[in-house]
Amino acid sequence: MSKNFSDFKFEPKTHKFEAKTSKPEGNINQNDLRKSYDELSQLDNDSLSRRLASEVAKRKQEGSFDANMLLSSVESVRAFLPPETYQNLKNLIENLK
């Protein structure tokens, strides 16, 4: 059975990296990640799905939704994902197109 988002623990990393993002606000910092994690980890799967659908609809309306970029991101971390999680992410992104 695959894990839910709420099953993961937020653990700050000591190394820094620059995320490549098309996000207009700029780079994401650790405090933003912590805040998002704290907020999203409290939601059940249905709430997370509604939130995702809302965000995707907003991005599509703005013209900033890029499914290919998301697929590329998933491919870049494929080696670190269990096969089931990788396939679930790919299927989810394909359904969001």
N, C-alpha and C. Protein backbone atom coordinates (compact mmCIF):
# COMPACT_ATOMS: atom_id res chain seq x y z
N MET A 1 0.84 -1.18 0.00
CA MET A 1 0.00 0.00 0.00
C MET A 1 0.88 1.23 0.00
N SER A 2 0.52 2.21 -0.81
CA SER A 2 1.34 3.42 -0.87
C SER A 2 1.09 4.31 0.33
N LYS A 3 2.09 5.11 0.66
CA LYS A 3 1.99 6.00 1.81
C LYS A 3 1.22 7.25 1.43
N ASN A 4 0.58 7.84 2.42
CA ASN A 4 -0.08 9.12 2.25
C ASN A 4 0.92 10.23 2.55
N PHE A 5 0.62 11.41 2.08
CA PHE A 5 1.48 12.56 2.34
C PHE A 5 1.70 12.73 3.83
N SER A 6 0.66 12.50 4.61
CA SER A 6 0.77 12.70 6.06
C SER A 6 1.64 11.66 6.74
N ASP A 7 2.02 10.58 6.03
CA ASP A 7 2.88 9.55 6.61
C ASP A 7 4.34 9.98 6.66
N PHE A 8 4.70 10.99 5.90
CA PHE A 8 6.09 11.41 5.83
C PHE A 8 6.40 12.44 6.91
N LYS A 9 7.60 12.40 7.40
CA LYS A 9 8.06 13.35 8.41
C LYS A 9 8.92 14.41 7.74
N PHE A 10 8.72 15.65 8.11
CA PHE A 10 9.55 16.73 7.58
C PHE A 10 10.86 16.73 8.34
N GLU A 11 11.96 16.58 7.61
CA GLU A 11 13.28 16.61 8.22
C GLU A 11 14.15 17.58 7.44
N PRO A 12 14.49 18.71 8.05
CA PRO A 12 15.33 19.69 7.35
C PRO A 12 16.66 19.08 6.96
N LYS A 13 17.11 19.38 5.78
CA LYS A 13 18.40 18.91 5.29
C LYS A 13 19.45 19.97 5.56
N THR A 14 20.66 19.54 5.78
CA THR A 14 21.72 20.48 6.08
C THR A 14 22.34 21.06 4.83
N HIS A 15 22.19 20.38 3.70
CA HIS A 15 22.74 20.91 2.46
C HIS A 15 21.71 21.78 1.75
N LYS A 16 22.20 22.67 0.94
CA LYS A 16 21.31 23.56 0.19
C LYS A 16 21.36 23.19 -1.27
N PHE A 17 20.24 23.42 -1.94
CA PHE A 17 20.19 23.20 -3.37
C PHE A 17 19.29 24.26 -3.97
N GLU A 18 19.47 24.52 -5.24
CA GLU A 18 18.60 25.46 -5.94
C GLU A 18 17.62 24.68 -6.76
N ALA A 19 16.36 24.86 -6.48
CA ALA A 19 15.33 24.18 -7.25
C ALA A 19 15.07 24.97 -8.52
N LYS A 20 15.04 24.26 -9.64
CA LYS A 20 14.67 24.91 -10.88
C LYS A 20 13.16 25.00 -10.90
N THR A 21 12.65 26.21 -10.98
CA THR A 21 11.21 26.41 -10.92
C THR A 21 10.80 27.54 -11.84
N SER A 22 9.60 27.43 -12.33
CA SER A 22 9.05 28.51 -13.14
C SER A 22 8.18 29.40 -12.28
N LYS A 23 8.26 29.20 -10.98
CA LYS A 23 7.46 29.96 -10.03
C LYS A 23 7.92 31.42 -10.03
N PRO A 24 7.02 32.35 -10.32
CA PRO A 24 7.41 33.76 -10.42
C PRO A 24 7.90 34.36 -9.12
N GLU A 25 7.50 33.80 -7.98
CA GLU A 25 7.91 34.37 -6.70
C GLU A 25 9.38 34.13 -6.39
N GLY A 26 10.05 33.27 -7.14
CA GLY A 26 11.47 33.02 -6.91
C GLY A 26 11.72 31.70 -6.23
N ASN A 27 12.86 31.58 -5.59
CA ASN A 27 13.25 30.33 -4.95
C ASN A 27 12.39 30.05 -3.72
N ILE A 28 12.22 28.77 -3.44
CA ILE A 28 11.47 28.34 -2.28
C ILE A 28 12.46 28.18 -1.13
N ASN A 29 12.16 28.76 0.01
CA ASN A 29 13.08 28.58 1.14
C ASN A 29 12.54 27.53 2.11
N GLN A 30 13.36 27.15 3.04
CA GLN A 30 13.03 26.07 3.97
C GLN A 30 11.83 26.42 4.84
N ASN A 31 11.66 27.68 5.20
CA ASN A 31 10.51 28.08 6.01
C ASN A 31 9.21 27.90 5.23
N ASP A 32 9.24 28.23 3.93
CA ASP A 32 8.06 28.03 3.09
C ASP A 32 7.72 26.55 2.99
N LEU A 33 8.75 25.72 2.83
CA LEU A 33 8.53 24.28 2.76
C LEU A 33 7.94 23.74 4.06
N ARG A 34 8.45 24.20 5.16
CA ARG A 34 7.97 23.76 6.47
C ARG A 34 6.51 24.16 6.66
N LYS A 35 6.18 25.39 6.31
CA LYS A 35 4.81 25.89 6.45
C LYS A 35 3.86 25.08 5.57
N SER A 36 4.26 24.82 4.33
CA SER A 36 3.42 24.02 3.43
C SER A 36 3.26 22.61 3.94
N TYR A 37 4.36 22.02 4.40
CA TYR A 37 4.29 20.67 4.95
C TYR A 37 3.34 20.61 6.13
N ASP A 38 3.48 21.54 7.06
CA ASP A 38 2.62 21.55 8.25
C ASP A 38 1.15 21.66 7.87
N GLU A 39 0.87 22.49 6.90
CA GLU A 39 -0.51 22.69 6.46
C GLU A 39 -1.05 21.44 5.74
N LEU A 40 -0.29 20.94 4.78
CA LEU A 40 -0.77 19.83 3.96
C LEU A 40 -0.79 18.50 4.70
N SER A 41 0.08 18.32 5.67
CA SER A 41 0.12 17.05 6.38
C SER A 41 -1.12 16.83 7.24
N GLN A 42 -1.88 17.86 7.48
CA GLN A 42 -3.10 17.74 8.28
C GLN A 42 -4.31 17.33 7.44
N LEU A 43 -4.17 17.34 6.11
CA LEU A 43 -5.29 17.06 5.23
C LEU A 43 -5.40 15.58 4.90
N ASP A 44 -6.64 15.11 4.73
CA ASP A 44 -6.83 13.73 4.29
C ASP A 44 -6.70 13.67 2.76
N ASN A 45 -6.76 12.48 2.20
CA ASN A 45 -6.56 12.31 0.76
C ASN A 45 -7.58 13.08 -0.08
N ASP A 46 -8.84 13.08 0.35
CA ASP A 46 -9.87 13.81 -0.40
C ASP A 46 -9.59 15.31 -0.41
N SER A 47 -9.21 15.83 0.73
CA SER A 47 -8.89 17.26 0.82
C SER A 47 -7.67 17.61 -0.02
N LEU A 48 -6.66 16.74 0.02
CA LEU A 48 -5.47 16.96 -0.80
C LEU A 48 -5.83 16.94 -2.29
N SER A 49 -6.68 16.00 -2.68
CA SER A 49 -7.10 15.91 -4.09
C SER A 49 -7.85 17.16 -4.52
N ARG A 50 -8.75 17.65 -3.68
CA ARG A 50 -9.49 18.88 -4.01
C ARG A 50 -8.54 20.06 -4.12
N ARG A 51 -7.59 20.12 -3.21
CA ARG A 51 -6.61 21.21 -3.23
C ARG A 51 -5.77 21.17 -4.51
N LEU A 52 -5.35 19.97 -4.88
CA LEU A 52 -4.57 19.79 -6.11
C LEU A 52 -5.39 20.20 -7.33
N ALA A 53 -6.64 19.74 -7.40
CA ALA A 53 -7.49 20.08 -8.54
C ALA A 53 -7.71 21.58 -8.64
N SER A 54 -7.88 22.22 -7.52
CA SER A 54 -8.06 23.68 -7.50
C SER A 54 -6.81 24.40 -7.99
N GLU A 55 -5.66 23.96 -7.52
CA GLU A 55 -4.39 24.59 -7.91
C GLU A 55 -4.12 24.38 -9.40
N VAL A 56 -4.40 23.18 -9.90
CA VAL A 56 -4.19 22.90 -11.32
C VAL A 56 -5.12 23.76 -12.17
N ALA A 57 -6.39 23.86 -11.78
CA ALA A 57 -7.34 24.70 -12.52
C ALA A 57 -6.88 26.15 -12.56
N LYS A 58 -6.38 26.63 -11.43
CA LYS A 58 -5.87 28.01 -11.35
C LYS A 58 -4.68 28.20 -12.29
N ARG A 59 -3.73 27.25 -12.24
CA ARG A 59 -2.53 27.34 -13.09
C ARG A 59 -2.89 27.24 -14.58
N LYS A 60 -3.85 26.39 -14.91
CA LYS A 60 -4.28 26.27 -16.31
C LYS A 60 -4.90 27.57 -16.79
N GLN A 61 -5.72 28.17 -15.95
CA GLN A 61 -6.35 29.44 -16.30
C GLN A 61 -5.30 30.54 -16.51
N GLU A 62 -4.26 30.53 -15.69
CA GLU A 62 -3.17 31.51 -15.81
C GLU A 62 -2.24 31.18 -16.98
N GLY A 63 -2.34 29.94 -17.47
CA GLY A 63 -1.44 29.50 -18.53
C GLY A 63 -0.07 29.09 -18.03
N SER A 64 0.03 28.80 -16.73
CA SER A 64 1.34 28.45 -16.16
C SER A 64 1.46 26.98 -15.79
N PHE A 65 0.45 26.18 -16.10
CA PHE A 65 0.53 24.74 -15.80
C PHE A 65 1.37 24.06 -16.87
N ASP A 66 2.41 23.35 -16.44
CA ASP A 66 3.32 22.70 -17.38
C ASP A 66 3.49 21.23 -16.98
N ALA A 67 2.65 20.39 -17.56
CA ALA A 67 2.68 18.97 -17.24
C ALA A 67 4.01 18.34 -17.64
N ASN A 68 4.60 18.79 -18.73
CA ASN A 68 5.88 18.23 -19.17
C ASN A 68 6.99 18.53 -18.17
N MET A 69 6.96 19.71 -17.58
CA MET A 69 7.94 20.06 -16.56
C MET A 69 7.76 19.16 -15.32
N LEU A 70 6.52 18.90 -14.96
CA LEU A 70 6.25 18.01 -13.83
C LEU A 70 6.74 16.60 -14.11
N LEU A 71 6.47 16.11 -15.32
CA LEU A 71 6.96 14.78 -15.69
C LEU A 71 8.48 14.72 -15.67
N SER A 72 9.10 15.77 -16.14
CA SER A 72 10.56 15.84 -16.13
C SER A 72 11.09 15.81 -14.69
N SER A 73 10.42 16.50 -13.80
CA SER A 73 10.82 16.50 -12.38
C SER A 73 10.69 15.10 -11.78
N VAL A 74 9.61 14.42 -12.10
CA VAL A 74 9.42 13.06 -11.60
C VAL A 74 10.51 12.14 -12.14
N GLU A 75 10.83 12.30 -13.42
CA GLU A 75 11.89 11.48 -14.01
C GLU A 75 13.23 11.73 -13.33
N SER A 76 13.47 12.98 -12.93
CA SER A 76 14.77 13.30 -12.32
C SER A 76 14.95 12.68 -10.94
N VAL A 77 13.85 12.34 -10.27
CA VAL A 77 13.94 11.71 -8.95
C VAL A 77 13.51 10.25 -8.97
N ARG A 78 13.32 9.71 -10.15
CA ARG A 78 12.83 8.33 -10.30
C ARG A 78 13.66 7.32 -9.51
N ALA A 79 14.96 7.47 -9.52
CA ALA A 79 15.84 6.52 -8.84
C ALA A 79 15.61 6.48 -7.33
N PHE A 80 15.02 7.53 -6.79
CA PHE A 80 14.80 7.61 -5.34
C PHE A 80 13.39 7.20 -4.93
N LEU A 81 12.54 6.88 -5.92
CA LEU A 81 11.15 6.56 -5.64
C LEU A 81 10.88 5.06 -5.76
N PRO A 82 10.01 4.55 -4.91
CA PRO A 82 9.56 3.18 -5.11
C PRO A 82 8.80 3.11 -6.45
N PRO A 83 8.88 1.99 -7.15
CA PRO A 83 8.21 1.88 -8.46
C PRO A 83 6.72 2.26 -8.43
N GLU A 84 6.02 1.87 -7.37
CA GLU A 84 4.59 2.19 -7.26
C GLU A 84 4.36 3.70 -7.17
N THR A 85 5.18 4.38 -6.39
CA THR A 85 5.06 5.83 -6.24
C THR A 85 5.37 6.53 -7.56
N TYR A 86 6.41 6.08 -8.23
CA TYR A 86 6.77 6.65 -9.53
C TYR A 86 5.61 6.53 -10.51
N GLN A 87 5.04 5.35 -10.61
CA GLN A 87 3.94 5.13 -11.55
C GLN A 87 2.71 5.94 -11.15
N ASN A 88 2.43 6.03 -9.85
CA ASN A 88 1.29 6.82 -9.38
C ASN A 88 1.46 8.30 -9.75
N LEU A 89 2.67 8.81 -9.58
CA LEU A 89 2.93 10.21 -9.94
C LEU A 89 2.76 10.45 -11.44
N LYS A 90 3.30 9.53 -12.24
CA LYS A 90 3.16 9.66 -13.69
C LYS A 90 1.69 9.62 -14.09
N ASN A 91 0.93 8.69 -13.52
CA ASN A 91 -0.50 8.60 -13.84
C ASN A 91 -1.25 9.85 -13.41
N LEU A 92 -0.93 10.36 -12.25
CA LEU A 92 -1.58 11.57 -11.75
C LEU A 92 -1.33 12.74 -12.70
N ILE A 93 -0.10 12.94 -13.10
CA ILE A 93 0.23 14.05 -13.99
C ILE A 93 -0.45 13.88 -15.34
N GLU A 94 -0.48 12.67 -15.86
CA GLU A 94 -1.17 12.42 -17.13
C GLU A 94 -2.66 12.75 -17.01
N ASN A 95 -3.26 12.43 -15.88
CA ASN A 95 -4.68 12.74 -15.68
C ASN A 95 -4.94 14.23 -15.51
N LEU A 96 -3.93 14.96 -15.06
CA LEU A 96 -4.10 16.40 -14.86
C LEU A 96 -4.00 17.19 -16.16
N LYS A 97 -3.38 16.57 -17.16
CA LYS A 97 -3.24 17.25 -18.46
C LYS A 97 -4.59 17.59 -18.98
